[in-house]
Amino acid sequence: MKSMIWRPEAKDEQVNQYLDHENHAPYPTILISMFGLFCLLTMLVLLGSF
């Protein structure tokens, strides 16, 4: 069985820098989508009330 103790490798720092640079949640897209869904639901409620 392989040892469960983690030891840093030479490429770990490069991988961490890459992930810090690339791996971010798309917050603007999430906010725009939520706003669009809110507007769509509001429009459906207003049109449904007539």
PDB file of N, CA and C in Angstrom:
ATOM      1  N   MET A   1       0.845  -1.178   0.000  1.00  0.00           N
ATOM      2  CA  MET A   1       0.000   0.000   0.000  1.00  0.00           C
ATOM      3  C   MET A   1       0.894   1.246   0.000  1.00  0.00           C
ATOM      4  N   LYS A   2       0.416   2.267  -0.697  1.00  0.00           N
ATOM      5  CA  LYS A   2       1.177   3.506  -0.818  1.00  0.00           C
ATOM      6  C   LYS A   2       1.117   4.309   0.487  1.00  0.00           C
ATOM      7  N   SER A   3       2.196   5.014   0.784  1.00  0.00           N
ATOM      8  CA  SER A   3       2.245   5.837   1.992  1.00  0.00           C
ATOM      9  C   SER A   3       1.246   6.985   1.898  1.00  0.00           C
ATOM     10  N   MET A   4       0.597   7.293   3.005  1.00  0.00           N
ATOM     11  CA  MET A   4      -0.401   8.365   3.026  1.00  0.00           C
ATOM     12  C   MET A   4       0.200   9.710   3.419  1.00  0.00           C
ATOM     13  N   ILE A   5       1.494   9.787   3.587  1.00  0.00           N
ATOM     14  CA  ILE A   5       2.151  11.042   3.948  1.00  0.00           C
ATOM     15  C   ILE A   5       2.455  11.809   2.667  1.00  0.00           C
ATOM     16  N   TRP A   6       1.976  13.076   2.611  1.00  0.00           N
ATOM     17  CA  TRP A   6       2.194  13.893   1.418  1.00  0.00           C
ATOM     18  C   TRP A   6       3.541  14.598   1.522  1.00  0.00           C
ATOM     19  N   ARG A   7       4.287  14.517   0.457  1.00  0.00           N
ATOM     20  CA  ARG A   7       5.562  15.229   0.380  1.00  0.00           C
ATOM     21  C   ARG A   7       5.513  16.119  -0.858  1.00  0.00           C
ATOM     22  N   PRO A   8       5.883  17.400  -0.723  1.00  0.00           N
ATOM     23  CA  PRO A   8       5.816  18.304  -1.874  1.00  0.00           C
ATOM     24  C   PRO A   8       6.698  17.820  -3.018  1.00  0.00           C
ATOM     25  N   GLU A   9       6.188  18.016  -4.212  1.00  0.00           N
ATOM     26  CA  GLU A   9       6.946  17.662  -5.404  1.00  0.00           C
ATOM     27  C   GLU A   9       7.388  18.944  -6.099  1.00  0.00           C
ATOM     28  N   ALA A  10       8.265  18.807  -7.056  1.00  0.00           N
ATOM     29  CA  ALA A  10       8.824  19.980  -7.745  1.00  0.00           C
ATOM     30  C   ALA A  10       7.764  20.760  -8.514  1.00  0.00           C
ATOM     31  N   LYS A  11       6.802  20.086  -9.105  1.00  0.00           N
ATOM     32  CA  LYS A  11       5.811  20.780  -9.937  1.00  0.00           C
ATOM     33  C   LYS A  11       4.615  21.305  -9.157  1.00  0.00           C
ATOM     34  N   ASP A  12       4.528  21.057  -7.862  1.00  0.00           N
ATOM     35  CA  ASP A  12       3.370  21.491  -7.078  1.00  0.00           C
ATOM     36  C   ASP A  12       3.180  23.002  -7.109  1.00  0.00           C
ATOM     37  N   GLU A  13       4.249  23.753  -7.028  1.00  0.00           N
ATOM     38  CA  GLU A  13       4.130  25.213  -7.024  1.00  0.00           C
ATOM     39  C   GLU A  13       3.583  25.722  -8.357  1.00  0.00           C
ATOM     40  N   GLN A  14       4.039  25.139  -9.455  1.00  0.00           N
ATOM     41  CA  GLN A  14       3.524  25.539 -10.771  1.00  0.00           C
ATOM     42  C   GLN A  14       2.044  25.197 -10.899  1.00  0.00           C
ATOM     43  N   VAL A  15       1.657  24.043 -10.408  1.00  0.00           N
ATOM     44  CA  VAL A  15       0.249  23.644 -10.471  1.00  0.00           C
ATOM     45  C   VAL A  15      -0.601  24.589  -9.633  1.00  0.00           C
ATOM     46  N   ASN A  16      -0.144  24.957  -8.446  1.00  0.00           N
ATOM     47  CA  ASN A  16      -0.890  25.881  -7.597  1.00  0.00           C
ATOM     48  C   ASN A  16      -1.027  27.252  -8.238  1.00  0.00           C
ATOM     49  N   GLN A  17       0.032  27.741  -8.880  1.00  0.00           N
ATOM     50  CA  GLN A  17      -0.046  29.031  -9.566  1.00  0.00           C
ATOM     51  C   GLN A  17      -1.047  28.972 -10.710  1.00  0.00           C
ATOM     52  N   TYR A  18      -1.037  27.876 -11.457  1.00  0.00           N
ATOM     53  CA  TYR A  18      -1.987  27.714 -12.565  1.00  0.00           C
ATOM     54  C   TYR A  18      -3.418  27.699 -12.044  1.00  0.00           C
ATOM     55  N   LEU A  19      -3.665  26.938 -10.971  1.00  0.00           N
ATOM     56  CA  LEU A  19      -5.017  26.863 -10.432  1.00  0.00           C
ATOM     57  C   LEU A  19      -5.469  28.195  -9.849  1.00  0.00           C
ATOM     58  N   ASP A  20      -4.579  28.918  -9.202  1.00  0.00           N
ATOM     59  CA  ASP A  20      -4.927  30.240  -8.685  1.00  0.00           C
ATOM     60  C   ASP A  20      -5.295  31.193  -9.809  1.00  0.00           C
ATOM     61  N   HIS A  21      -4.630  31.034 -10.953  1.00  0.00           N
ATOM     62  CA  HIS A  21      -4.880  31.926 -12.081  1.00  0.00           C
ATOM     63  C   HIS A  21      -6.145  31.532 -12.847  1.00  0.00           C
ATOM     64  N   GLU A  22      -6.420  30.256 -13.013  1.00  0.00           N
ATOM     65  CA  GLU A  22      -7.486  29.787 -13.895  1.00  0.00           C
ATOM     66  C   GLU A  22      -8.771  29.382 -13.187  1.00  0.00           C
ATOM     67  N   ASN A  23      -8.700  28.922 -11.969  1.00  0.00           N
ATOM     68  CA  ASN A  23      -9.836  28.259 -11.348  1.00  0.00           C
ATOM     69  C   ASN A  23     -10.628  29.230 -10.472  1.00  0.00           C
ATOM     70  N   HIS A  24     -11.478  30.044 -11.097  1.00  0.00           N
ATOM     71  CA  HIS A  24     -12.299  30.989 -10.353  1.00  0.00           C
ATOM     72  C   HIS A  24     -13.754  30.815 -10.756  1.00  0.00           C
ATOM     73  N   ALA A  25     -14.642  31.004  -9.797  1.00  0.00           N
ATOM     74  CA  ALA A  25     -16.071  30.907 -10.090  1.00  0.00           C
ATOM     75  C   ALA A  25     -16.482  32.104 -10.948  1.00  0.00           C
ATOM     76  N   PRO A  26     -17.353  31.896 -11.920  1.00  0.00           N
ATOM     77  CA  PRO A  26     -17.783  32.981 -12.822  1.00  0.00           C
ATOM     78  C   PRO A  26     -18.879  33.845 -12.179  1.00  0.00           C
ATOM     79  N   TYR A  27     -18.490  34.632 -11.176  1.00  0.00           N
ATOM     80  CA  TYR A  27     -19.476  35.413 -10.430  1.00  0.00           C
ATOM     81  C   TYR A  27     -20.285  36.374 -11.303  1.00  0.00           C
ATOM     82  N   PRO A  28     -19.683  37.106 -12.242  1.00  0.00           N
ATOM     83  CA  PRO A  28     -20.515  37.988 -13.084  1.00  0.00           C
ATOM     84  C   PRO A  28     -21.562  37.212 -13.873  1.00  0.00           C
ATOM     85  N   THR A  29     -21.209  36.064 -14.401  1.00  0.00           N
ATOM     86  CA  THR A  29     -22.163  35.254 -15.165  1.00  0.00           C
ATOM     87  C   THR A  29     -23.279  34.743 -14.257  1.00  0.00           C
ATOM     88  N   ILE A  30     -22.937  34.350 -13.049  1.00  0.00           N
ATOM     89  CA  ILE A  30     -23.949  33.872 -12.105  1.00  0.00           C
ATOM     90  C   ILE A  30     -24.920  35.004 -11.757  1.00  0.00           C
ATOM     91  N   LEU A  31     -24.392  36.190 -11.492  1.00  0.00           N
ATOM     92  CA  LEU A  31     -25.262  37.322 -11.135  1.00  0.00           C
ATOM     93  C   LEU A  31     -26.162  37.738 -12.298  1.00  0.00           C
ATOM     94  N   ILE A  32     -25.616  37.784 -13.503  1.00  0.00           N
ATOM     95  CA  ILE A  32     -26.418  38.138 -14.683  1.00  0.00           C
ATOM     96  C   ILE A  32     -27.508  37.103 -14.913  1.00  0.00           C
ATOM     97  N   SER A  33     -27.185  35.823 -14.737  1.00  0.00           N
ATOM     98  CA  SER A  33     -28.177  34.761 -14.912  1.00  0.00           C
ATOM     99  C   SER A  33     -29.288  34.874 -13.871  1.00  0.00           C
ATOM    100  N   MET A  34     -28.918  35.157 -12.631  1.00  0.00           N
ATOM    101  CA  MET A  34     -29.933  35.298 -11.584  1.00  0.00           C
ATOM    102  C   MET A  34     -30.826  36.506 -11.858  1.00  0.00           C
ATOM    103  N   PHE A  35     -30.240  37.608 -12.303  1.00  0.00           N
ATOM    104  CA  PHE A  35     -31.022  38.801 -12.617  1.00  0.00           C
ATOM    105  C   PHE A  35     -31.972  38.524 -13.784  1.00  0.00           C
ATOM    106  N   GLY A  36     -31.474  37.844 -14.818  1.00  0.00           N
ATOM    107  CA  GLY A  36     -32.310  37.495 -15.963  1.00  0.00           C
ATOM    108  C   GLY A  36     -33.461  36.579 -15.564  1.00  0.00           C
ATOM    109  N   LEU A  37     -33.195  35.596 -14.715  1.00  0.00           N
ATOM    110  CA  LEU A  37     -34.244  34.691 -14.245  1.00  0.00           C
ATOM    111  C   LEU A  37     -35.274  35.448 -13.415  1.00  0.00           C
ATOM    112  N   PHE A  38     -34.811  36.357 -12.585  1.00  0.00           N
ATOM    113  CA  PHE A  38     -35.723  37.179 -11.790  1.00  0.00           C
ATOM    114  C   PHE A  38     -36.628  38.013 -12.688  1.00  0.00           C
ATOM    115  N   CYS A  39     -36.039  38.633 -13.718  1.00  0.00           N
ATOM    116  CA  CYS A  39     -36.842  39.439 -14.643  1.00  0.00           C
ATOM    117  C   CYS A  39     -37.846  38.574 -15.400  1.00  0.00           C
ATOM    118  N   LEU A  40     -37.431  37.395 -15.831  1.00  0.00           N
ATOM    119  CA  LEU A  40     -38.319  36.491 -16.552  1.00  0.00           C
ATOM    120  C   LEU A  40     -39.487  36.060 -15.678  1.00  0.00           C
ATOM    121  N   LEU A  41     -39.206  35.676 -14.445  1.00  0.00           N
ATOM    122  CA  LEU A  41     -40.284  35.261 -13.544  1.00  0.00           C
ATOM    123  C   LEU A  41     -41.220  36.426 -13.220  1.00  0.00           C
ATOM    124  N   THR A  42     -40.658  37.616 -13.057  1.00  0.00           N
ATOM    125  CA  THR A  42     -41.486  38.796 -12.788  1.00  0.00           C
ATOM    126  C   THR A  42     -42.401  39.073 -13.978  1.00  0.00           C
ATOM    127  N   MET A  43     -41.850  38.975 -15.184  1.00  0.00           N
ATOM    128  CA  MET A  43     -42.646  39.197 -16.387  1.00  0.00           C
ATOM    129  C   MET A  43     -43.764  38.157 -16.499  1.00  0.00           C
ATOM    130  N   LEU A  44     -43.453  36.898 -16.189  1.00  0.00           N
ATOM    131  CA  LEU A  44     -44.485  35.864 -16.251  1.00  0.00           C
ATOM    132  C   LEU A  44     -45.595  36.107 -15.232  1.00  0.00           C
ATOM    133  N   VAL A  45     -45.234  36.546 -14.043  1.00  0.00           N
ATOM    134  CA  VAL A  45     -46.255  36.842 -13.022  1.00  0.00           C
ATOM    135  C   VAL A  45     -47.121  38.014 -13.462  1.00  0.00           C
ATOM    136  N   LEU A  46     -46.492  39.056 -13.999  1.00  0.00           N
ATOM    137  CA  LEU A  46     -47.270  40.229 -14.429  1.00  0.00           C
ATOM    138  C   LEU A  46     -48.172  39.899 -15.606  1.00  0.00           C
ATOM    139  N   LEU A  47     -47.677  39.123 -16.563  1.00  0.00           N
ATOM    140  CA  LEU A  47     -48.512  38.742 -17.709  1.00  0.00           C
ATOM    141  C   LEU A  47     -49.609  37.766 -17.285  1.00  0.00           C
ATOM    142  N   GLY A  48     -49.325  36.947 -16.309  1.00  0.00           N
ATOM    143  CA  GLY A  48     -50.327  35.980 -15.830  1.00  0.00           C
ATOM    144  C   GLY A  48     -51.435  36.623 -15.034  1.00  0.00           C
ATOM    145  N   SER A  49     -51.198  37.817 -14.535  1.00  0.00           N
ATOM    146  CA  SER A  49     -52.221  38.480 -13.717  1.00  0.00           C
ATOM    147  C   SER A  49     -53.287  39.163 -14.571  1.00  0.00           C
ATOM    148  N   PHE A  50     -53.053  39.283 -15.862  1.00  0.00           N
ATOM    149  CA  PHE A  50     -54.044  39.936 -16.742  1.00  0.00           C
ATOM    150  C   PHE A  50     -54.976  38.938 -17.354  1.00  0.00           C
TER     151      PHE A  50
END
